[in-house]
């Protein structure tokens, strides 16, 4: 799978580890920055990941900031992005299976390295179920975007 990943400064170290980890799992990882712990603005990286997913350069995205909240809010402003902040493995796979989540958002100051790896694994191995009830709900979410 092609995965776009980015972080702000607070998520830089975790991002570096996940780039390597996802590569070891056999995924193609597109690292969109940031490239240091110098302060940057998380919305810029949310846009980078979102555009990579929307443009087809990546099938899914991973976005990391300090809490995960800001990056999640910013990413969800992009039409077609369904970003979920996850700090448990159930949400990381269920968000894909039921809600067709295409961007996983993590809070580097909230979770540790081992959990981040578990979340990323659950996210990339999950597939959208396509069940009628989930398609119906996803279509309602898409309709909300059109109202925006």
N, C-alpha and C. Protein backbone atom coordinates (compact mmCIF):
# COMPACT_ATOMS: atom_id res chain seq x y z
N UNK A 1 0.84 -1.18 0.00
CA UNK A 1 0.00 0.00 0.00
C UNK A 1 0.88 1.24 0.00
N UNK A 2 0.45 2.27 -0.69
CA UNK A 2 1.14 3.56 -0.69
C UNK A 2 0.54 4.41 0.44
N UNK A 3 1.40 4.84 1.35
CA UNK A 3 0.95 5.58 2.53
C UNK A 3 1.69 6.91 2.61
N UNK A 4 0.93 8.00 2.65
CA UNK A 4 1.50 9.32 2.88
C UNK A 4 1.53 9.57 4.38
N UNK A 5 2.64 10.10 4.87
CA UNK A 5 2.76 10.36 6.30
C UNK A 5 3.39 11.73 6.51
N UNK A 6 2.90 12.44 7.51
CA UNK A 6 3.47 13.74 7.85
C UNK A 6 3.16 14.05 9.31
N UNK A 7 3.90 15.00 9.83
CA UNK A 7 3.70 15.42 11.21
C UNK A 7 4.11 16.87 11.37
N UNK A 8 3.69 17.44 12.47
CA UNK A 8 4.26 18.71 12.87
C UNK A 8 5.49 18.38 13.73
N UNK A 9 6.06 19.41 14.34
CA UNK A 9 7.27 19.22 15.15
C UNK A 9 7.05 18.28 16.33
N UNK A 10 5.86 18.33 16.93
CA UNK A 10 5.59 17.48 18.10
C UNK A 10 5.53 16.00 17.73
N UNK A 11 5.19 15.71 16.50
CA UNK A 11 5.09 14.33 16.06
C UNK A 11 6.28 13.84 15.27
N UNK A 12 7.31 14.68 15.13
CA UNK A 12 8.44 14.35 14.27
C UNK A 12 9.10 13.01 14.61
N UNK A 13 9.44 12.80 15.87
CA UNK A 13 10.15 11.56 16.24
C UNK A 13 9.28 10.33 16.00
N UNK A 14 8.01 10.40 16.33
CA UNK A 14 7.12 9.28 16.10
C UNK A 14 6.96 9.03 14.60
N UNK A 15 6.86 10.09 13.83
CA UNK A 15 6.76 9.94 12.38
C UNK A 15 7.97 9.23 11.82
N UNK A 16 9.15 9.60 12.28
CA UNK A 16 10.37 8.97 11.78
C UNK A 16 10.33 7.47 12.02
N UNK A 17 9.88 7.07 13.19
CA UNK A 17 9.80 5.65 13.49
C UNK A 17 8.76 4.96 12.61
N UNK A 18 7.59 5.59 12.43
CA UNK A 18 6.54 4.96 11.64
C UNK A 18 6.91 4.87 10.16
N UNK A 19 7.67 5.82 9.66
CA UNK A 19 8.14 5.74 8.27
C UNK A 19 8.95 4.45 8.10
N UNK A 20 9.87 4.21 9.01
CA UNK A 20 10.70 3.02 8.95
C UNK A 20 9.87 1.76 9.16
N UNK A 21 9.01 1.78 10.16
CA UNK A 21 8.20 0.61 10.50
C UNK A 21 7.28 0.22 9.35
N UNK A 22 6.57 1.17 8.78
CA UNK A 22 5.66 0.86 7.68
C UNK A 22 6.42 0.35 6.46
N UNK A 23 7.61 0.89 6.24
CA UNK A 23 8.46 0.39 5.17
C UNK A 23 8.86 -1.06 5.40
N UNK A 24 9.18 -1.39 6.65
CA UNK A 24 9.54 -2.76 6.99
C UNK A 24 8.37 -3.72 6.79
N UNK A 25 7.16 -3.22 6.90
CA UNK A 25 5.97 -4.05 6.66
C UNK A 25 5.71 -4.24 5.17
N UNK A 26 6.49 -3.56 4.33
CA UNK A 26 6.35 -3.72 2.89
C UNK A 26 5.57 -2.63 2.19
N UNK A 27 5.22 -1.58 2.91
CA UNK A 27 4.47 -0.49 2.31
C UNK A 27 5.41 0.54 1.68
N UNK A 28 4.92 1.23 0.68
CA UNK A 28 5.63 2.35 0.10
C UNK A 28 5.22 3.59 0.88
N UNK A 29 6.17 4.25 1.51
CA UNK A 29 5.87 5.37 2.40
C UNK A 29 6.36 6.67 1.78
N UNK A 30 5.45 7.61 1.66
CA UNK A 30 5.76 8.94 1.14
C UNK A 30 5.84 9.89 2.34
N UNK A 31 7.05 10.26 2.73
CA UNK A 31 7.28 11.13 3.89
C UNK A 31 7.15 12.58 3.44
N UNK A 32 6.12 13.26 3.92
CA UNK A 32 5.83 14.63 3.51
C UNK A 32 6.27 15.67 4.54
N UNK A 33 7.12 15.25 5.48
CA UNK A 33 7.65 16.20 6.46
C UNK A 33 6.85 16.19 7.75
N UNK A 34 7.19 17.01 8.63
CA UNK A 34 8.28 17.92 8.74
C UNK A 34 9.57 17.13 8.94
N UNK A 35 10.67 17.83 8.82
CA UNK A 35 11.95 17.15 8.85
C UNK A 35 12.81 17.50 10.05
N UNK A 36 12.19 18.08 11.08
CA UNK A 36 12.93 18.42 12.30
C UNK A 36 11.93 18.73 13.41
N UNK A 37 12.45 19.06 14.56
CA UNK A 37 11.59 19.44 15.68
C UNK A 37 11.42 20.96 15.78
N UNK A 38 11.83 21.68 14.74
CA UNK A 38 11.58 23.12 14.69
C UNK A 38 10.07 23.35 14.55
N UNK A 39 9.50 24.28 15.31
CA UNK A 39 8.06 24.49 15.26
C UNK A 39 7.54 24.82 13.85
N UNK A 40 6.46 24.12 13.50
CA UNK A 40 5.76 24.33 12.22
C UNK A 40 4.26 24.30 12.50
N UNK A 41 3.48 24.59 11.50
CA UNK A 41 2.03 24.64 11.64
C UNK A 41 1.39 23.35 11.12
N UNK A 42 0.69 22.63 11.99
CA UNK A 42 0.11 21.34 11.63
C UNK A 42 -0.85 21.39 10.44
N UNK A 43 -1.61 22.48 10.21
CA UNK A 43 -2.51 22.45 9.04
C UNK A 43 -1.77 22.25 7.71
N UNK A 44 -0.55 22.75 7.62
CA UNK A 44 0.20 22.59 6.37
C UNK A 44 0.47 21.12 6.07
N UNK A 45 0.69 20.33 7.10
CA UNK A 45 0.99 18.91 6.93
C UNK A 45 -0.29 18.10 6.74
N UNK A 46 -1.38 18.56 7.33
CA UNK A 46 -2.67 17.93 7.09
C UNK A 46 -3.06 18.09 5.62
N UNK A 47 -2.81 19.25 5.07
CA UNK A 47 -3.10 19.49 3.65
C UNK A 47 -2.21 18.62 2.77
N UNK A 48 -0.95 18.50 3.12
CA UNK A 48 -0.03 17.68 2.32
C UNK A 48 -0.49 16.23 2.27
N UNK A 49 -0.83 15.66 3.41
CA UNK A 49 -1.30 14.27 3.44
C UNK A 49 -2.64 14.15 2.71
N UNK A 50 -3.54 15.06 3.00
CA UNK A 50 -4.85 15.02 2.35
C UNK A 50 -4.75 15.10 0.84
N UNK A 51 -3.93 16.00 0.35
CA UNK A 51 -3.78 16.13 -1.10
C UNK A 51 -3.13 14.90 -1.72
N UNK A 52 -2.21 14.26 -1.00
CA UNK A 52 -1.59 13.04 -1.51
C UNK A 52 -2.63 11.93 -1.64
N UNK A 53 -3.52 11.82 -0.68
CA UNK A 53 -4.57 10.80 -0.72
C UNK A 53 -5.59 11.15 -1.81
N UNK A 54 -6.03 12.38 -1.82
CA UNK A 54 -7.04 12.79 -2.80
C UNK A 54 -6.52 12.73 -4.24
N UNK A 55 -5.23 13.02 -4.41
CA UNK A 55 -4.63 13.03 -5.73
C UNK A 55 -4.17 11.67 -6.22
N UNK A 56 -4.25 10.67 -5.37
CA UNK A 56 -3.87 9.32 -5.77
C UNK A 56 -2.42 8.95 -5.58
N UNK A 57 -1.61 9.86 -5.06
CA UNK A 57 -0.21 9.53 -4.78
C UNK A 57 -0.11 8.50 -3.66
N UNK A 58 -1.13 8.48 -2.79
CA UNK A 58 -1.18 7.53 -1.68
C UNK A 58 -2.60 7.00 -1.56
N UNK A 59 -2.71 5.76 -1.10
CA UNK A 59 -4.02 5.17 -0.87
C UNK A 59 -4.59 5.59 0.48
N UNK A 60 -3.69 5.79 1.45
CA UNK A 60 -4.09 6.22 2.79
C UNK A 60 -3.03 7.15 3.34
N UNK A 61 -3.39 7.82 4.44
CA UNK A 61 -2.46 8.73 5.07
C UNK A 61 -2.39 8.53 6.57
N UNK A 62 -1.26 8.94 7.13
CA UNK A 62 -1.05 8.97 8.57
C UNK A 62 -0.56 10.36 8.91
N UNK A 63 -1.18 10.95 9.91
CA UNK A 63 -0.88 12.32 10.29
C UNK A 63 -0.66 12.36 11.79
N UNK A 64 0.39 13.06 12.23
CA UNK A 64 0.75 13.07 13.64
C UNK A 64 0.99 14.50 14.12
N UNK A 65 0.38 14.85 15.24
CA UNK A 65 0.72 16.10 15.92
C UNK A 65 0.78 15.78 17.41
N UNK A 66 0.85 16.78 18.25
CA UNK A 66 1.00 16.54 19.68
C UNK A 66 -0.14 15.74 20.28
N UNK A 67 -1.36 16.23 20.12
CA UNK A 67 -2.53 15.54 20.67
C UNK A 67 -3.28 14.75 19.61
N UNK A 68 -3.11 15.10 18.36
CA UNK A 68 -3.87 14.52 17.27
C UNK A 68 -5.11 15.34 16.93
N UNK A 69 -5.55 16.18 17.83
CA UNK A 69 -6.80 16.91 17.64
C UNK A 69 -6.68 17.94 16.51
N UNK A 70 -5.68 18.79 16.58
CA UNK A 70 -5.56 19.84 15.57
C UNK A 70 -5.40 19.28 14.17
N UNK A 71 -4.55 18.27 14.04
CA UNK A 71 -4.32 17.67 12.72
C UNK A 71 -5.60 17.02 12.21
N UNK A 72 -6.37 16.39 13.09
CA UNK A 72 -7.63 15.77 12.70
C UNK A 72 -8.63 16.82 12.22
N UNK A 73 -8.76 17.89 12.97
CA UNK A 73 -9.68 18.96 12.59
C UNK A 73 -9.29 19.52 11.22
N UNK A 74 -8.01 19.80 11.03
CA UNK A 74 -7.55 20.38 9.77
C UNK A 74 -7.76 19.43 8.60
N UNK A 75 -7.41 18.17 8.77
CA UNK A 75 -7.53 17.20 7.67
C UNK A 75 -8.98 17.02 7.25
N UNK A 76 -9.89 17.04 8.21
CA UNK A 76 -11.30 16.84 7.89
C UNK A 76 -11.94 18.03 7.19
N UNK A 77 -11.23 19.12 7.05
CA UNK A 77 -11.73 20.25 6.27
C UNK A 77 -11.60 20.01 4.77
N UNK A 78 -10.82 19.01 4.38
CA UNK A 78 -10.61 18.69 2.97
C UNK A 78 -11.70 17.74 2.49
N UNK A 79 -12.43 18.15 1.47
CA UNK A 79 -13.51 17.33 0.92
C UNK A 79 -12.95 16.00 0.43
N UNK A 80 -13.48 14.91 0.97
CA UNK A 80 -13.04 13.58 0.58
C UNK A 80 -12.11 12.93 1.58
N UNK A 81 -11.64 13.71 2.54
CA UNK A 81 -10.79 13.13 3.58
C UNK A 81 -11.66 12.77 4.77
N UNK A 82 -11.44 11.56 5.25
CA UNK A 82 -12.13 11.07 6.43
C UNK A 82 -11.04 10.66 7.42
N UNK A 83 -10.65 11.64 8.23
CA UNK A 83 -9.55 11.46 9.18
C UNK A 83 -10.11 11.15 10.55
N UNK A 84 -9.53 10.15 11.19
CA UNK A 84 -9.96 9.78 12.52
C UNK A 84 -8.78 9.75 13.47
N UNK A 85 -8.95 10.43 14.60
CA UNK A 85 -7.93 10.36 15.65
C UNK A 85 -8.17 9.06 16.42
N UNK A 86 -7.17 8.23 16.50
CA UNK A 86 -7.31 6.92 17.13
C UNK A 86 -6.20 6.71 18.14
N UNK A 87 -6.61 6.27 19.31
CA UNK A 87 -5.65 5.92 20.35
C UNK A 87 -5.93 4.51 20.89
N UNK A 88 -6.74 3.74 20.11
CA UNK A 88 -7.00 2.34 20.43
C UNK A 88 -7.11 1.57 19.12
N UNK A 89 -6.75 0.30 19.14
CA UNK A 89 -6.70 -0.48 17.91
C UNK A 89 -8.08 -0.74 17.32
N UNK A 90 -9.09 -0.87 18.16
CA UNK A 90 -10.45 -1.10 17.64
C UNK A 90 -10.85 0.05 16.71
N UNK A 91 -10.68 1.28 17.17
CA UNK A 91 -11.05 2.43 16.34
C UNK A 91 -10.22 2.51 15.07
N UNK A 92 -8.96 2.12 15.15
CA UNK A 92 -8.07 2.21 14.00
C UNK A 92 -8.51 1.30 12.86
N UNK A 93 -9.02 0.12 13.18
CA UNK A 93 -9.50 -0.75 12.10
C UNK A 93 -10.98 -0.54 11.82
N UNK A 94 -11.76 -0.32 12.84
CA UNK A 94 -13.20 -0.13 12.65
C UNK A 94 -13.50 1.14 11.87
N UNK A 95 -12.68 2.17 12.04
CA UNK A 95 -12.86 3.41 11.28
C UNK A 95 -12.74 3.19 9.78
N UNK A 96 -11.89 2.27 9.39
CA UNK A 96 -11.77 1.91 7.97
C UNK A 96 -12.93 1.01 7.57
N UNK A 97 -13.20 -0.03 8.37
CA UNK A 97 -14.20 -1.03 8.02
C UNK A 97 -15.61 -0.45 7.90
N UNK A 98 -15.96 0.48 8.78
CA UNK A 98 -17.32 1.03 8.78
C UNK A 98 -17.42 2.41 8.17
N UNK A 99 -16.40 3.24 8.31
CA UNK A 99 -16.50 4.64 7.91
C UNK A 99 -15.60 4.99 6.73
N UNK A 100 -14.89 4.02 6.19
CA UNK A 100 -13.96 4.23 5.07
C UNK A 100 -12.96 5.34 5.39
N UNK A 101 -12.48 5.36 6.65
CA UNK A 101 -11.47 6.32 7.08
C UNK A 101 -10.24 6.18 6.20
N UNK A 102 -9.74 7.29 5.68
CA UNK A 102 -8.57 7.22 4.81
C UNK A 102 -7.34 7.91 5.39
N UNK A 103 -7.47 8.53 6.54
CA UNK A 103 -6.32 9.13 7.22
C UNK A 103 -6.41 8.79 8.71
N UNK A 104 -5.34 8.19 9.21
CA UNK A 104 -5.20 7.89 10.64
C UNK A 104 -4.46 9.05 11.28
N UNK A 105 -5.00 9.58 12.37
CA UNK A 105 -4.36 10.69 13.07
C UNK A 105 -3.96 10.20 14.46
N UNK A 106 -2.72 10.50 14.83
CA UNK A 106 -2.17 10.07 16.11
C UNK A 106 -1.67 11.26 16.91
N UNK A 107 -1.77 11.15 18.21
CA UNK A 107 -1.23 12.16 19.12
C UNK A 107 0.07 11.67 19.73
N UNK A 108 1.17 12.22 19.31
CA UNK A 108 2.48 11.75 19.77
C UNK A 108 2.70 11.98 21.26
N UNK A 109 2.01 12.96 21.83
CA UNK A 109 2.16 13.23 23.26
C UNK A 109 1.15 12.44 24.09
N UNK A 110 0.34 11.63 23.42
CA UNK A 110 -0.71 10.88 24.08
C UNK A 110 -0.41 9.39 24.10
N UNK A 111 0.21 8.87 23.05
CA UNK A 111 0.47 7.44 22.94
C UNK A 111 1.98 7.19 22.81
N UNK A 112 2.36 5.98 23.08
CA UNK A 112 3.76 5.59 22.95
C UNK A 112 4.03 4.92 21.62
N UNK A 113 5.27 4.58 21.42
CA UNK A 113 5.74 3.99 20.17
C UNK A 113 5.08 2.64 19.88
N UNK A 114 5.02 1.76 20.85
CA UNK A 114 4.45 0.43 20.62
C UNK A 114 2.99 0.53 20.20
N UNK A 115 2.22 1.37 20.87
CA UNK A 115 0.82 1.54 20.51
C UNK A 115 0.68 2.18 19.14
N UNK A 116 1.51 3.15 18.83
CA UNK A 116 1.46 3.79 17.51
C UNK A 116 1.66 2.76 16.40
N UNK A 117 2.60 1.85 16.61
CA UNK A 117 2.84 0.80 15.62
C UNK A 117 1.62 -0.11 15.49
N UNK A 118 1.02 -0.47 16.62
CA UNK A 118 -0.18 -1.32 16.58
C UNK A 118 -1.32 -0.62 15.85
N UNK A 119 -1.49 0.66 16.10
CA UNK A 119 -2.55 1.43 15.45
C UNK A 119 -2.32 1.51 13.95
N UNK A 120 -1.09 1.79 13.56
CA UNK A 120 -0.78 1.87 12.13
C UNK A 120 -1.01 0.53 11.45
N UNK A 121 -0.63 -0.54 12.09
CA UNK A 121 -0.84 -1.87 11.53
C UNK A 121 -2.32 -2.17 11.36
N UNK A 122 -3.10 -1.90 12.39
CA UNK A 122 -4.55 -2.14 12.32
C UNK A 122 -5.18 -1.31 11.20
N UNK A 123 -4.75 -0.09 11.06
CA UNK A 123 -5.28 0.83 10.04
C UNK A 123 -4.96 0.33 8.63
N UNK A 124 -3.72 0.01 8.36
CA UNK A 124 -3.35 -0.37 7.00
C UNK A 124 -3.84 -1.76 6.60
N UNK A 125 -4.12 -2.63 7.57
CA UNK A 125 -4.61 -3.96 7.24
C UNK A 125 -6.13 -4.03 7.13
N UNK A 126 -6.82 -2.98 7.52
CA UNK A 126 -8.28 -2.97 7.47
C UNK A 126 -8.78 -2.59 6.07
N UNK A 127 -9.97 -3.08 5.74
CA UNK A 127 -10.61 -2.72 4.48
C UNK A 127 -12.06 -2.33 4.75
N UNK A 128 -12.57 -1.44 3.93
CA UNK A 128 -13.95 -1.00 4.04
C UNK A 128 -14.86 -2.19 3.76
N UNK A 129 -15.86 -2.42 4.60
CA UNK A 129 -16.71 -3.60 4.47
C UNK A 129 -17.62 -3.55 3.24
N UNK A 130 -18.04 -2.36 2.86
CA UNK A 130 -18.96 -2.23 1.73
C UNK A 130 -20.38 -2.66 2.06
N UNK A 131 -20.64 -2.98 3.33
CA UNK A 131 -22.00 -3.37 3.73
C UNK A 131 -22.96 -2.22 3.44
N UNK A 132 -24.18 -2.57 3.06
CA UNK A 132 -25.18 -1.58 2.65
C UNK A 132 -25.37 -0.48 3.70
N UNK A 133 -25.42 -0.85 4.98
CA UNK A 133 -25.65 0.16 6.01
C UNK A 133 -24.47 1.13 6.10
N UNK A 134 -23.26 0.65 5.87
CA UNK A 134 -22.09 1.53 5.94
C UNK A 134 -21.99 2.40 4.69
N UNK A 135 -22.35 1.86 3.55
CA UNK A 135 -22.37 2.65 2.32
C UNK A 135 -23.41 3.75 2.44
N UNK A 136 -24.58 3.42 2.98
CA UNK A 136 -25.65 4.41 3.16
C UNK A 136 -25.17 5.55 4.06
N UNK A 137 -24.51 5.21 5.15
CA UNK A 137 -24.02 6.23 6.08
C UNK A 137 -22.90 7.05 5.46
N UNK A 138 -22.01 6.39 4.74
CA UNK A 138 -20.93 7.11 4.07
C UNK A 138 -21.49 8.09 3.04
N UNK A 139 -22.52 7.69 2.33
CA UNK A 139 -23.15 8.60 1.37
C UNK A 139 -23.76 9.81 2.06
N UNK A 140 -24.27 9.63 3.26
CA UNK A 140 -24.80 10.77 4.02
C UNK A 140 -23.68 11.71 4.44
N UNK A 141 -22.51 11.14 4.81
CA UNK A 141 -21.35 11.97 5.15
C UNK A 141 -20.92 12.77 3.92
N UNK A 142 -20.86 12.12 2.78
CA UNK A 142 -20.48 12.80 1.54
C UNK A 142 -21.47 13.92 1.20
N UNK A 143 -22.75 13.69 1.46
CA UNK A 143 -23.75 14.73 1.21
C UNK A 143 -23.52 15.93 2.13
N UNK A 144 -23.09 15.68 3.35
CA UNK A 144 -22.78 16.79 4.27
C UNK A 144 -21.64 17.65 3.71
N UNK A 145 -20.64 16.99 3.10
CA UNK A 145 -19.54 17.74 2.50
C UNK A 145 -20.03 18.66 1.39
N UNK A 146 -21.00 18.22 0.65
CA UNK A 146 -21.51 19.01 -0.47
C UNK A 146 -22.28 20.25 0.02
N UNK A 147 -22.81 20.18 1.23
CA UNK A 147 -23.52 21.33 1.81
C UNK A 147 -22.56 22.45 2.20
N UNK A 148 -21.30 22.04 2.52
CA UNK A 148 -20.28 22.92 3.06
C UNK A 148 -20.07 24.14 2.32
